[in-house]
Amino acid sequence: MQLSALRVEAIVDTVCPWCYIGKKRLEKALETEGLSGFAIEWRPFLLNPDMPQGGVDRKWYLSTKFGGIESAKRVYKSIALAGASVGIDFNFDAIAITPDSTLSHRLIYKMCAERPDIGNALVEDIFAAYFLRGRDIGHPDVLVDIAMRHGADRSEIIDYLHSDMDYDFVVQESRLAHQLGVSGVPCFLFNGRHALSGAQEPGILQRMIRLARQEDTLIAL
């Protein structure tokens, strides 16, 4: 029996370390299933919808969120270990600002709408810029640099990022995800019917991929 086509949507926030880990695990699952290079559809989620445009001091943010900086360090130590298992060398100490991620989501939406095939690599570069090099992905200049590596026109991207275009779309998409019951990310949707929350291990993701493809095949018969 030939398996049907597959659609994978990833609801993520670009400032979420578990989303970066989840991306790596999902890509590993797809590769194991013979779907290396599969174009994932990236959808925005705002963990901090009230974040000011310029972001906030990282240490203050973590201390406030986790009840103290020592508590935050313990949490992020476990995240670093999980990241290392999928080849991510998190550099949390390099991050000075927790940014508003809306701008990065707008960039992903614009560029993927024009060229869906670059989505995985674009999202990878945004995650890497923030989590490996501590760059402020809420700043237009940082995002322009990333966009140009994927063939974007500099002037066009500058104009886009300094406008309000697609801002409402990102906010509404995030609200819709909340309304549909997505309370944390990453959340992966398979063929529009099967949802899996959290940075699950590749084996679990593989089973969901197979289930989605087999069910669609049976429906088509």
Foldseek 3Di string as FASTA:
>chain_A
DDWDDKAKEWEDFLLDLQQLLLLLQLQVLCVVVVNHLPQHHYAYAFPCPPADLAFDFPQVVQCVVQVHNVSSVVVVVVSCVSCVVSPDRFDVVLAGGDHGRLLVNVLLVVVCVVPSSCNSVLSNVSSCCCGVRNDHNSDQVVSLVSVVVVPDDSVVSVVVSPDCPCSVVNVVRNVVCVVVPCPDDGWMDMPNPDIDHTSDGSVVSNVVNVVSRVVVVVVVD
